[in-house]
Amino acid sequence: WNPIFAQFKKEGTGWQYLWLVPQDIRGLARAIGKQTTLERLDEFFSAALSRRAAPVVPQVQAQVSVFGAFYIGNQFTPANETDLQAPWLYDWLGRPWRTAQIVHAASTVFGPGPYGLPGNDDAGTMSAAYVLSAIGLYQAQPGFDAWELTAPMFSSVKVGHRLTISAPRAGRALPYIPTARVSGRPVGTVWLRNWQV
């Protein structure tokens, strides 16, 4: 068995599936060690097929799979659902700037043209993940009362009747936010509760 091959797995390798425990990130970090977890995440988000350069999410990396059916390597592939929550794991490990850095780098594989969506949309999952990331919110742990935060890519976004996100200097070139406020009050975490969203 080798974790860089998709042996006995569909749409991913042992590397992609390692991160599919969004309900217990701290438990994963305890099991393999926090430092090892961070080192493996850093390697996972380095350039395609283990070439060091962080964070690089080149177009080739988005296309390294054979239409989501076969994967090889230890790289992040933003073209498939298996990897979508992985950048957000850094939030739970005390490195929110890495989440922001990787989410913004991954957004570059999306575009307005005919090939602007990596992989296939699988009932809208890829589009939804991009839209949530672009507005600076993501629920990486389904069923958990937390919407993780990162820098929005738009200066202003209105979501429904209750939520307006305002970030005057936002854009793909500004992946970090130093502070956040909800209804004028400072947010002291890298996530919001459901009632705040």
N, C-alpha and C. Protein backbone atom coordinates (compact mmCIF):
# COMPACT_ATOMS: atom_id res chain seq x y z
N TRP A 1 0.84 -1.18 0.00
CA TRP A 1 0.00 0.00 0.00
C TRP A 1 0.88 1.24 0.00
N ASN A 2 0.51 2.21 -0.79
CA ASN A 2 1.27 3.45 -0.87
C ASN A 2 0.27 4.61 -0.89
N PRO A 3 0.35 5.56 0.06
CA PRO A 3 -0.65 6.62 0.13
C PRO A 3 -0.63 7.60 -1.04
N ILE A 4 0.39 7.56 -1.91
CA ILE A 4 0.38 8.50 -3.04
C ILE A 4 -0.38 7.94 -4.24
N PHE A 5 -0.84 6.70 -4.18
CA PHE A 5 -1.63 6.13 -5.26
C PHE A 5 -3.08 5.96 -4.82
N ALA A 6 -3.98 5.92 -5.77
CA ALA A 6 -5.40 5.81 -5.47
C ALA A 6 -5.84 4.36 -5.36
N GLN A 7 -4.98 3.51 -4.80
CA GLN A 7 -5.32 2.10 -4.66
C GLN A 7 -6.53 1.94 -3.75
N PHE A 8 -7.53 1.22 -4.21
CA PHE A 8 -8.73 0.90 -3.44
C PHE A 8 -9.50 2.14 -3.00
N LYS A 9 -9.27 3.26 -3.63
CA LYS A 9 -9.98 4.49 -3.30
C LYS A 9 -10.56 5.07 -4.58
N LYS A 10 -11.58 5.85 -4.44
CA LYS A 10 -12.18 6.54 -5.58
C LYS A 10 -11.98 8.02 -5.39
N GLU A 11 -11.56 8.70 -6.42
CA GLU A 11 -11.42 10.16 -6.44
C GLU A 11 -10.49 10.71 -5.38
N GLY A 12 -9.39 10.02 -5.13
CA GLY A 12 -8.42 10.55 -4.19
C GLY A 12 -7.39 9.51 -3.81
N THR A 13 -6.35 9.97 -3.12
CA THR A 13 -5.31 9.10 -2.60
C THR A 13 -5.38 9.13 -1.07
N GLY A 14 -4.48 8.40 -0.43
CA GLY A 14 -4.42 8.44 1.03
C GLY A 14 -4.15 9.85 1.55
N TRP A 15 -3.46 10.66 0.75
CA TRP A 15 -3.20 12.05 1.15
C TRP A 15 -4.49 12.86 1.20
N GLN A 16 -5.33 12.74 0.16
CA GLN A 16 -6.58 13.49 0.16
C GLN A 16 -7.50 13.01 1.29
N TYR A 17 -7.59 11.70 1.47
CA TYR A 17 -8.50 11.16 2.47
C TYR A 17 -8.01 11.37 3.91
N LEU A 18 -6.73 11.61 4.09
CA LEU A 18 -6.21 11.89 5.43
C LEU A 18 -6.94 13.08 6.07
N TRP A 19 -7.30 14.07 5.24
CA TRP A 19 -7.87 15.31 5.76
C TRP A 19 -9.39 15.27 5.88
N LEU A 20 -10.01 14.16 5.57
CA LEU A 20 -11.47 14.08 5.61
C LEU A 20 -12.00 13.69 7.00
N VAL A 21 -11.60 14.42 7.99
CA VAL A 21 -12.14 14.29 9.34
C VAL A 21 -12.50 15.68 9.87
N PRO A 22 -13.32 16.42 9.13
CA PRO A 22 -13.60 17.80 9.55
C PRO A 22 -14.29 17.89 10.90
N GLN A 23 -14.89 16.79 11.36
CA GLN A 23 -15.57 16.80 12.64
C GLN A 23 -14.61 16.67 13.82
N ASP A 24 -13.34 16.35 13.56
CA ASP A 24 -12.40 16.16 14.68
C ASP A 24 -10.96 16.48 14.26
N ILE A 25 -10.72 17.70 13.88
CA ILE A 25 -9.38 18.12 13.46
C ILE A 25 -8.40 17.99 14.62
N ARG A 26 -8.83 18.39 15.80
CA ARG A 26 -7.93 18.29 16.96
C ARG A 26 -7.60 16.84 17.27
N GLY A 27 -8.56 15.93 17.08
CA GLY A 27 -8.31 14.50 17.27
C GLY A 27 -7.29 13.97 16.28
N LEU A 28 -7.38 14.42 15.03
CA LEU A 28 -6.40 14.03 14.02
C LEU A 28 -5.02 14.53 14.42
N ALA A 29 -4.94 15.78 14.86
CA ALA A 29 -3.66 16.36 15.27
C ALA A 29 -3.09 15.62 16.48
N ARG A 30 -3.94 15.20 17.40
CA ARG A 30 -3.46 14.41 18.54
C ARG A 30 -2.94 13.05 18.07
N ALA A 31 -3.64 12.44 17.12
CA ALA A 31 -3.28 11.09 16.66
C ALA A 31 -1.93 11.06 15.95
N ILE A 32 -1.65 12.07 15.11
CA ILE A 32 -0.38 12.04 14.37
C ILE A 32 0.61 13.11 14.84
N GLY A 33 0.19 13.91 15.82
CA GLY A 33 1.04 14.97 16.35
C GLY A 33 0.76 16.28 15.63
N LYS A 34 0.62 17.37 16.39
CA LYS A 34 0.28 18.65 15.78
C LYS A 34 1.34 19.11 14.78
N GLN A 35 2.61 19.00 15.15
CA GLN A 35 3.67 19.44 14.25
C GLN A 35 3.70 18.60 12.97
N THR A 36 3.52 17.30 13.10
CA THR A 36 3.48 16.42 11.93
C THR A 36 2.28 16.77 11.05
N THR A 37 1.14 17.05 11.68
CA THR A 37 -0.05 17.43 10.94
C THR A 37 0.22 18.70 10.12
N LEU A 38 0.81 19.70 10.75
CA LEU A 38 1.12 20.95 10.06
C LEU A 38 2.13 20.73 8.94
N GLU A 39 3.15 19.91 9.17
CA GLU A 39 4.15 19.63 8.14
C GLU A 39 3.53 18.91 6.95
N ARG A 40 2.64 17.94 7.24
CA ARG A 40 1.99 17.22 6.15
C ARG A 40 1.02 18.11 5.38
N LEU A 41 0.32 18.98 6.08
CA LEU A 41 -0.55 19.94 5.39
C LEU A 41 0.28 20.85 4.49
N ASP A 42 1.41 21.35 5.01
CA ASP A 42 2.28 22.21 4.20
C ASP A 42 2.75 21.47 2.94
N GLU A 43 3.12 20.21 3.09
CA GLU A 43 3.55 19.43 1.93
C GLU A 43 2.40 19.22 0.96
N PHE A 44 1.21 18.94 1.49
CA PHE A 44 0.02 18.73 0.68
C PHE A 44 -0.29 19.94 -0.19
N PHE A 45 -0.06 21.13 0.35
CA PHE A 45 -0.35 22.36 -0.38
C PHE A 45 0.84 22.91 -1.15
N SER A 46 1.95 22.17 -1.19
CA SER A 46 3.07 22.61 -2.00
C SER A 46 2.75 22.27 -3.46
N ALA A 47 3.66 22.58 -4.35
CA ALA A 47 3.38 22.42 -5.78
C ALA A 47 3.07 20.98 -6.14
N ALA A 48 2.52 20.81 -7.31
CA ALA A 48 2.06 19.51 -7.80
C ALA A 48 3.13 18.44 -7.67
N LEU A 49 2.68 17.27 -7.22
CA LEU A 49 3.53 16.09 -7.10
C LEU A 49 4.79 16.34 -6.28
N SER A 50 4.62 16.98 -5.15
CA SER A 50 5.65 17.15 -4.12
C SER A 50 6.75 18.16 -4.39
N ARG A 51 6.72 18.89 -5.48
CA ARG A 51 7.75 19.91 -5.70
C ARG A 51 7.51 21.06 -4.74
N ARG A 52 8.52 21.43 -3.98
CA ARG A 52 8.35 22.46 -2.95
C ARG A 52 8.17 23.85 -3.54
N ALA A 53 7.11 24.52 -3.12
CA ALA A 53 6.84 25.92 -3.42
C ALA A 53 5.49 26.21 -2.80
N ALA A 54 5.45 26.97 -1.76
CA ALA A 54 4.18 27.13 -1.05
C ALA A 54 3.68 28.56 -1.11
N PRO A 55 2.39 28.78 -1.23
CA PRO A 55 1.42 27.82 -1.70
C PRO A 55 1.26 27.98 -3.21
N VAL A 56 1.32 26.95 -3.92
CA VAL A 56 1.18 27.00 -5.36
C VAL A 56 -0.03 26.15 -5.74
N VAL A 57 -0.95 26.71 -6.45
CA VAL A 57 -2.09 25.96 -6.95
C VAL A 57 -2.18 26.24 -8.45
N PRO A 58 -1.20 25.76 -9.22
CA PRO A 58 -1.19 26.05 -10.64
C PRO A 58 -2.30 25.30 -11.38
N GLN A 59 -2.58 25.73 -12.58
CA GLN A 59 -3.61 25.09 -13.39
C GLN A 59 -3.32 23.60 -13.54
N VAL A 60 -2.06 23.22 -13.71
CA VAL A 60 -1.73 21.81 -13.87
C VAL A 60 -2.17 21.01 -12.65
N GLN A 61 -2.07 21.60 -11.47
CA GLN A 61 -2.46 20.90 -10.26
C GLN A 61 -3.96 20.62 -10.24
N ALA A 62 -4.73 21.55 -10.80
CA ALA A 62 -6.17 21.36 -10.85
C ALA A 62 -6.55 20.27 -11.85
N GLN A 63 -5.66 19.96 -12.77
CA GLN A 63 -5.97 18.99 -13.83
C GLN A 63 -5.17 17.70 -13.70
N VAL A 64 -4.51 17.46 -12.57
CA VAL A 64 -3.65 16.29 -12.42
C VAL A 64 -4.46 15.00 -12.27
N SER A 65 -5.76 15.09 -12.10
CA SER A 65 -6.57 13.88 -12.04
C SER A 65 -7.13 13.57 -13.42
N VAL A 66 -7.57 12.35 -13.60
CA VAL A 66 -8.22 11.97 -14.85
C VAL A 66 -9.73 12.09 -14.60
N PHE A 67 -10.25 13.30 -14.75
CA PHE A 67 -11.66 13.60 -14.57
C PHE A 67 -12.21 13.07 -13.24
N GLY A 68 -11.44 13.18 -12.20
CA GLY A 68 -11.90 12.79 -10.88
C GLY A 68 -11.95 11.30 -10.65
N ALA A 69 -11.48 10.51 -11.60
CA ALA A 69 -11.57 9.06 -11.45
C ALA A 69 -10.27 8.46 -10.93
N PHE A 70 -9.14 9.09 -11.21
CA PHE A 70 -7.86 8.53 -10.79
C PHE A 70 -6.95 9.64 -10.34
N TYR A 71 -6.36 9.47 -9.19
CA TYR A 71 -5.43 10.45 -8.65
C TYR A 71 -4.12 9.77 -8.33
N ILE A 72 -3.06 10.55 -8.39
CA ILE A 72 -1.76 10.08 -7.96
C ILE A 72 -1.05 11.25 -7.30
N GLY A 73 -0.33 10.98 -6.24
CA GLY A 73 0.45 12.04 -5.62
C GLY A 73 -0.10 12.50 -4.28
N ASN A 74 0.59 13.48 -3.73
CA ASN A 74 0.25 14.00 -2.42
C ASN A 74 -0.18 15.45 -2.49
N GLN A 75 -0.66 15.89 -3.64
CA GLN A 75 -0.97 17.30 -3.82
C GLN A 75 -2.44 17.62 -3.61
N PHE A 76 -2.68 18.83 -3.19
CA PHE A 76 -4.02 19.42 -3.12
C PHE A 76 -4.54 19.56 -4.53
N THR A 77 -5.75 19.12 -4.76
CA THR A 77 -6.36 19.23 -6.09
C THR A 77 -7.70 19.93 -5.93
N PRO A 78 -7.77 21.22 -6.19
CA PRO A 78 -9.02 21.95 -5.99
C PRO A 78 -10.09 21.61 -7.01
N ALA A 79 -9.86 20.58 -7.82
CA ALA A 79 -10.83 20.18 -8.84
C ALA A 79 -11.79 19.11 -8.35
N ASN A 80 -11.76 18.76 -7.07
CA ASN A 80 -12.62 17.69 -6.60
C ASN A 80 -13.04 17.92 -5.15
N GLU A 81 -14.23 17.43 -4.82
CA GLU A 81 -14.79 17.64 -3.49
C GLU A 81 -13.94 17.07 -2.37
N THR A 82 -13.18 16.03 -2.64
CA THR A 82 -12.38 15.39 -1.60
C THR A 82 -11.48 16.39 -0.89
N ASP A 83 -11.01 17.41 -1.60
CA ASP A 83 -10.05 18.36 -1.04
C ASP A 83 -10.65 19.69 -0.59
N LEU A 84 -11.91 19.92 -0.81
CA LEU A 84 -12.47 21.26 -0.61
C LEU A 84 -12.27 21.82 0.80
N GLN A 85 -12.44 21.01 1.83
CA GLN A 85 -12.35 21.52 3.20
C GLN A 85 -10.92 21.59 3.71
N ALA A 86 -9.97 20.99 3.01
CA ALA A 86 -8.60 20.89 3.52
C ALA A 86 -7.94 22.23 3.85
N PRO A 87 -8.07 23.28 3.03
CA PRO A 87 -7.41 24.54 3.40
C PRO A 87 -7.88 25.12 4.73
N TRP A 88 -9.11 24.79 5.10
CA TRP A 88 -9.70 25.36 6.30
C TRP A 88 -9.22 24.67 7.57
N LEU A 89 -8.50 23.56 7.44
CA LEU A 89 -8.01 22.85 8.62
C LEU A 89 -7.01 23.70 9.41
N TYR A 90 -6.27 24.54 8.70
CA TYR A 90 -5.30 25.41 9.38
C TYR A 90 -5.98 26.29 10.44
N ASP A 91 -7.22 26.70 10.19
CA ASP A 91 -7.93 27.52 11.19
C ASP A 91 -7.97 26.83 12.54
N TRP A 92 -8.24 25.53 12.52
CA TRP A 92 -8.39 24.77 13.76
C TRP A 92 -7.04 24.40 14.37
N LEU A 93 -5.98 24.63 13.63
CA LEU A 93 -4.64 24.31 14.12
C LEU A 93 -3.84 25.57 14.45
N GLY A 94 -4.53 26.71 14.51
CA GLY A 94 -3.90 27.96 14.93
C GLY A 94 -3.13 28.69 13.85
N ARG A 95 -3.39 28.39 12.58
CA ARG A 95 -2.69 29.06 11.48
C ARG A 95 -3.68 29.64 10.45
N PRO A 96 -4.56 30.55 10.86
CA PRO A 96 -5.57 31.06 9.93
C PRO A 96 -5.00 31.78 8.72
N TRP A 97 -3.78 32.35 8.83
CA TRP A 97 -3.17 33.01 7.68
C TRP A 97 -2.87 32.00 6.57
N ARG A 98 -2.59 30.75 6.92
CA ARG A 98 -2.37 29.72 5.90
C ARG A 98 -3.68 29.38 5.19
N THR A 99 -4.78 29.32 5.95
CA THR A 99 -6.08 29.10 5.31
C THR A 99 -6.32 30.19 4.29
N ALA A 100 -6.15 31.45 4.70
CA ALA A 100 -6.39 32.57 3.79
C ALA A 100 -5.49 32.50 2.56
N GLN A 101 -4.23 32.21 2.76
CA GLN A 101 -3.26 32.13 1.67
C GLN A 101 -3.67 31.06 0.66
N ILE A 102 -4.04 29.89 1.13
CA ILE A 102 -4.35 28.78 0.24
C ILE A 102 -5.71 28.96 -0.42
N VAL A 103 -6.70 29.45 0.31
CA VAL A 103 -8.02 29.70 -0.28
C VAL A 103 -7.90 30.70 -1.42
N HIS A 104 -7.12 31.75 -1.21
CA HIS A 104 -6.95 32.74 -2.28
C HIS A 104 -6.17 32.16 -3.46
N ALA A 105 -5.15 31.36 -3.20
CA ALA A 105 -4.40 30.72 -4.29
C ALA A 105 -5.30 29.76 -5.06
N ALA A 106 -6.11 28.98 -4.35
CA ALA A 106 -7.01 28.02 -5.02
C ALA A 106 -8.05 28.72 -5.87
N SER A 107 -8.44 29.92 -5.50
CA SER A 107 -9.46 30.64 -6.27
C SER A 107 -8.99 30.97 -7.68
N THR A 108 -7.69 30.94 -7.91
CA THR A 108 -7.18 31.30 -9.23
C THR A 108 -7.48 30.24 -10.29
N VAL A 109 -7.88 29.03 -9.89
CA VAL A 109 -8.22 28.02 -10.89
C VAL A 109 -9.66 28.18 -11.38
N PHE A 110 -10.42 29.09 -10.76
CA PHE A 110 -11.78 29.39 -11.21
C PHE A 110 -11.73 30.64 -12.09
N GLY A 111 -12.57 30.71 -13.10
CA GLY A 111 -12.58 31.88 -13.96
C GLY A 111 -13.89 31.98 -14.72
N PRO A 112 -14.09 33.09 -15.43
CA PRO A 112 -15.36 33.33 -16.12
C PRO A 112 -15.50 32.62 -17.47
N GLY A 113 -14.44 32.04 -17.99
CA GLY A 113 -14.49 31.43 -19.32
C GLY A 113 -15.12 30.06 -19.33
N PRO A 114 -15.17 29.44 -20.51
CA PRO A 114 -15.80 28.12 -20.64
C PRO A 114 -15.11 27.02 -19.84
N TYR A 115 -13.85 27.19 -19.52
CA TYR A 115 -13.13 26.20 -18.71
C TYR A 115 -12.84 26.75 -17.32
N GLY A 116 -13.70 27.62 -16.85
CA GLY A 116 -13.46 28.31 -15.59
C GLY A 116 -13.81 27.55 -14.33
N LEU A 117 -14.30 26.34 -14.48
CA LEU A 117 -14.65 25.53 -13.32
C LEU A 117 -13.81 24.27 -13.33
N PRO A 118 -12.91 24.11 -12.35
CA PRO A 118 -12.07 22.90 -12.35
C PRO A 118 -12.91 21.66 -12.05
N GLY A 119 -12.57 20.56 -12.67
CA GLY A 119 -13.32 19.32 -12.44
C GLY A 119 -14.73 19.44 -12.99
N ASN A 120 -15.68 18.79 -12.33
CA ASN A 120 -17.08 18.96 -12.72
C ASN A 120 -17.84 19.48 -11.52
N ASP A 121 -19.00 20.04 -11.75
CA ASP A 121 -19.69 20.76 -10.68
C ASP A 121 -20.46 19.88 -9.71
N ASP A 122 -20.67 18.62 -10.03
CA ASP A 122 -21.35 17.68 -9.12
C ASP A 122 -22.47 18.35 -8.32
N ALA A 123 -23.55 18.66 -9.01
CA ALA A 123 -24.75 19.24 -8.38
C ALA A 123 -24.47 20.60 -7.73
N GLY A 124 -23.49 21.31 -8.21
CA GLY A 124 -23.22 22.66 -7.71
C GLY A 124 -22.22 22.76 -6.58
N THR A 125 -21.61 21.65 -6.20
CA THR A 125 -20.69 21.67 -5.06
C THR A 125 -19.48 22.55 -5.31
N MET A 126 -18.85 22.42 -6.47
CA MET A 126 -17.65 23.22 -6.75
C MET A 126 -17.99 24.71 -6.79
N SER A 127 -19.10 25.04 -7.44
CA SER A 127 -19.51 26.45 -7.50
C SER A 127 -19.82 27.00 -6.12
N ALA A 128 -20.54 26.23 -5.31
CA ALA A 128 -20.88 26.68 -3.96
C ALA A 128 -19.63 26.88 -3.11
N ALA A 129 -18.68 25.95 -3.21
CA ALA A 129 -17.44 26.08 -2.44
C ALA A 129 -16.70 27.35 -2.84
N TYR A 130 -16.65 27.64 -4.14
CA TYR A 130 -15.98 28.85 -4.60
C TYR A 130 -16.69 30.10 -4.09
N VAL A 131 -18.02 30.13 -4.25
CA VAL A 131 -18.77 31.32 -3.84
C VAL A 131 -18.59 31.58 -2.35
N LEU A 132 -18.73 30.54 -1.53
CA LEU A 132 -18.54 30.73 -0.08
C LEU A 132 -17.13 31.21 0.24
N SER A 133 -16.14 30.60 -0.37
CA SER A 133 -14.75 31.04 -0.14
C SER A 133 -14.56 32.48 -0.58
N ALA A 134 -15.15 32.85 -1.71
CA ALA A 134 -14.97 34.21 -2.24
C ALA A 134 -15.62 35.27 -1.36
N ILE A 135 -16.69 34.90 -0.65
CA ILE A 135 -17.30 35.89 0.25
C ILE A 135 -16.70 35.83 1.65
N GLY A 136 -15.77 34.89 1.87
CA GLY A 136 -15.03 34.84 3.13
C GLY A 136 -15.62 33.96 4.20
N LEU A 137 -16.55 33.08 3.83
CA LEU A 137 -17.18 32.16 4.79
C LEU A 137 -17.12 30.74 4.25
N TYR A 138 -17.01 29.77 5.15
CA TYR A 138 -17.04 28.38 4.71
C TYR A 138 -17.39 27.49 5.89
N GLN A 139 -18.29 26.56 5.67
CA GLN A 139 -18.64 25.63 6.75
C GLN A 139 -17.91 24.31 6.48
N ALA A 140 -16.68 24.23 6.95
CA ALA A 140 -15.83 23.07 6.69
C ALA A 140 -16.25 21.86 7.53
N GLN A 141 -16.98 22.10 8.60
CA GLN A 141 -17.43 21.01 9.46
C GLN A 141 -18.96 20.94 9.42
N PRO A 142 -19.51 20.19 8.47
CA PRO A 142 -20.97 20.10 8.37
C PRO A 142 -21.59 19.66 9.69
N GLY A 143 -22.69 20.31 10.04
CA GLY A 143 -23.37 19.99 11.28
C GLY A 143 -22.80 20.67 12.51
N PHE A 144 -21.69 21.38 12.36
CA PHE A 144 -21.07 22.08 13.48
C PHE A 144 -21.41 23.55 13.38
N ASP A 145 -21.72 24.16 14.48
CA ASP A 145 -22.15 25.56 14.51
C ASP A 145 -20.95 26.50 14.36
N ALA A 146 -20.34 26.46 13.19
CA ALA A 146 -19.19 27.35 12.93
C ALA A 146 -19.06 27.60 11.44
N TRP A 147 -19.00 28.86 11.09
CA TRP A 147 -18.69 29.30 9.73
C TRP A 147 -17.30 29.91 9.78
N GLU A 148 -16.35 29.26 9.15
CA GLU A 148 -14.98 29.75 9.20
C GLU A 148 -14.83 31.00 8.34
N LEU A 149 -13.92 31.87 8.78
CA LEU A 149 -13.71 33.16 8.13
C LEU A 149 -12.38 33.20 7.39
N THR A 150 -12.38 33.92 6.31
CA THR A 150 -11.15 34.29 5.63
C THR A 150 -11.43 35.62 4.93
N ALA A 151 -10.42 36.19 4.32
CA ALA A 151 -10.60 37.48 3.65
C ALA A 151 -11.51 37.33 2.45
N PRO A 152 -12.57 38.13 2.36
CA PRO A 152 -13.43 38.07 1.18
C PRO A 152 -12.70 38.61 -0.05
N MET A 153 -13.16 38.21 -1.21
CA MET A 153 -12.55 38.67 -2.46
C MET A 153 -13.35 39.79 -3.11
N PHE A 154 -14.42 40.20 -2.44
CA PHE A 154 -15.26 41.29 -2.94
C PHE A 154 -15.33 42.37 -1.87
N SER A 155 -15.45 43.61 -2.29
CA SER A 155 -15.50 44.71 -1.32
C SER A 155 -16.82 44.76 -0.58
N SER A 156 -17.88 44.25 -1.18
CA SER A 156 -19.17 44.23 -0.51
C SER A 156 -20.01 43.09 -1.08
N VAL A 157 -20.64 42.34 -0.18
CA VAL A 157 -21.50 41.22 -0.59
C VAL A 157 -22.71 41.23 0.32
N LYS A 158 -23.89 41.11 -0.28
CA LYS A 158 -25.12 40.99 0.50
C LYS A 158 -25.65 39.58 0.31
N VAL A 159 -25.86 38.87 1.43
CA VAL A 159 -26.35 37.50 1.40
C VAL A 159 -27.72 37.50 2.06
N GLY A 160 -28.75 37.31 1.27
CA GLY A 160 -30.10 37.33 1.83
C GLY A 160 -30.45 38.70 2.37
N HIS A 161 -31.31 38.72 3.39
CA HIS A 161 -31.77 39.99 3.97
C HIS A 161 -30.98 40.38 5.20
N ARG A 162 -30.29 39.41 5.83
CA ARG A 162 -29.64 39.68 7.11
C ARG A 162 -28.16 39.98 7.04
N LEU A 163 -27.46 39.41 6.09
CA LEU A 163 -26.00 39.46 6.12
C LEU A 163 -25.43 40.33 5.01
N THR A 164 -24.64 41.31 5.41
CA THR A 164 -23.88 42.13 4.47
C THR A 164 -22.42 42.05 4.90
N ILE A 165 -21.56 41.69 3.98
CA ILE A 165 -20.13 41.61 4.26
C ILE A 165 -19.49 42.81 3.58
N SER A 166 -18.80 43.62 4.36
CA SER A 166 -18.17 44.82 3.84
C SER A 166 -16.67 44.76 4.10
N ALA A 167 -15.91 44.80 3.02
CA ALA A 167 -14.44 44.77 3.12
C ALA A 167 -13.90 45.69 2.02
N PRO A 168 -13.84 46.98 2.27
CA PRO A 168 -13.52 47.97 1.23
C PRO A 168 -12.25 47.71 0.42
N ARG A 169 -11.22 47.10 1.02
CA ARG A 169 -9.97 46.88 0.27
C ARG A 169 -9.83 45.44 -0.22
N ALA A 170 -10.89 44.67 -0.15
CA ALA A 170 -10.83 43.24 -0.48
C ALA A 170 -10.51 43.00 -1.95
N GLY A 171 -10.01 41.82 -2.21
CA GLY A 171 -9.71 41.40 -3.57
C GLY A 171 -8.76 40.23 -3.52
N ARG A 172 -8.52 39.62 -4.67
CA ARG A 172 -7.61 38.47 -4.70
C ARG A 172 -6.20 38.83 -4.26
N ALA A 173 -5.84 40.09 -4.39
CA ALA A 173 -4.48 40.51 -4.02
C ALA A 173 -4.34 40.74 -2.52
N LEU A 174 -5.43 40.72 -1.76
CA LEU A 174 -5.38 40.96 -0.32
C LEU A 174 -5.95 39.74 0.41
N PRO A 175 -5.10 38.71 0.64
CA PRO A 175 -5.62 37.47 1.23
C PRO A 175 -5.78 37.48 2.74
N TYR A 176 -5.41 38.55 3.43
CA TYR A 176 -5.47 38.56 4.89
C TYR A 176 -6.36 39.67 5.40
N ILE A 177 -7.04 39.40 6.50
CA ILE A 177 -7.79 40.44 7.19
C ILE A 177 -7.28 40.51 8.62
N PRO A 178 -6.92 41.68 9.09
CA PRO A 178 -6.38 41.78 10.45
C PRO A 178 -7.46 41.68 11.52
N THR A 179 -8.68 42.17 11.23
CA THR A 179 -9.77 42.13 12.20
C THR A 179 -11.10 41.91 11.48
N ALA A 180 -12.07 41.47 12.25
CA ALA A 180 -13.43 41.33 11.74
C ALA A 180 -14.40 41.81 12.81
N ARG A 181 -15.53 42.33 12.37
CA ARG A 181 -16.56 42.80 13.30
C ARG A 181 -17.91 42.28 12.83
N VAL A 182 -18.75 41.98 13.80
CA VAL A 182 -20.14 41.62 13.52
C VAL A 182 -21.01 42.59 14.30
N SER A 183 -21.84 43.32 13.58
CA SER A 183 -22.70 44.34 14.20
C SER A 183 -21.88 45.31 15.05
N GLY A 184 -20.68 45.65 14.56
CA GLY A 184 -19.82 46.61 15.24
C GLY A 184 -18.96 46.05 16.35
N ARG A 185 -19.17 44.78 16.71
CA ARG A 185 -18.39 44.16 17.79
C ARG A 185 -17.24 43.34 17.22
N PRO A 186 -16.05 43.43 17.81
CA PRO A 186 -14.91 42.64 17.31
C PRO A 186 -15.17 41.14 17.43
N VAL A 187 -14.69 40.39 16.45
CA VAL A 187 -14.78 38.94 16.47
C VAL A 187 -13.44 38.42 16.94
N GLY A 188 -13.42 37.62 17.99
CA GLY A 188 -12.18 37.12 18.56
C GLY A 188 -11.82 35.71 18.13
N THR A 189 -12.54 35.16 17.16
CA THR A 189 -12.28 33.80 16.67
C THR A 189 -12.15 33.83 15.15
N VAL A 190 -11.76 32.70 14.57
CA VAL A 190 -11.67 32.61 13.11
C VAL A 190 -12.92 31.97 12.54
N TRP A 191 -14.00 32.00 13.30
CA TRP A 191 -15.28 31.49 12.83
C TRP A 191 -16.40 32.29 13.47
N LEU A 192 -17.58 32.18 12.86
CA LEU A 192 -18.79 32.77 13.40
C LEU A 192 -19.77 31.65 13.73
N ARG A 193 -20.64 31.89 14.70
CA ARG A 193 -21.70 30.94 15.00
C ARG A 193 -22.87 31.15 14.02
N ASN A 194 -23.73 30.16 13.91
CA ASN A 194 -24.87 30.25 12.97
C ASN A 194 -25.70 31.51 13.19
N TRP A 195 -25.95 31.88 14.44
CA TRP A 195 -26.79 33.04 14.72
C TRP A 195 -26.13 34.34 14.30
N GLN A 196 -24.80 34.33 14.13
CA GLN A 196 -24.09 35.54 13.72
C GLN A 196 -24.12 35.70 12.21
N VAL A 197 -24.33 34.62 11.51
CA VAL A 197 -24.37 34.64 10.04
C VAL A 197 -25.81 34.78 9.64
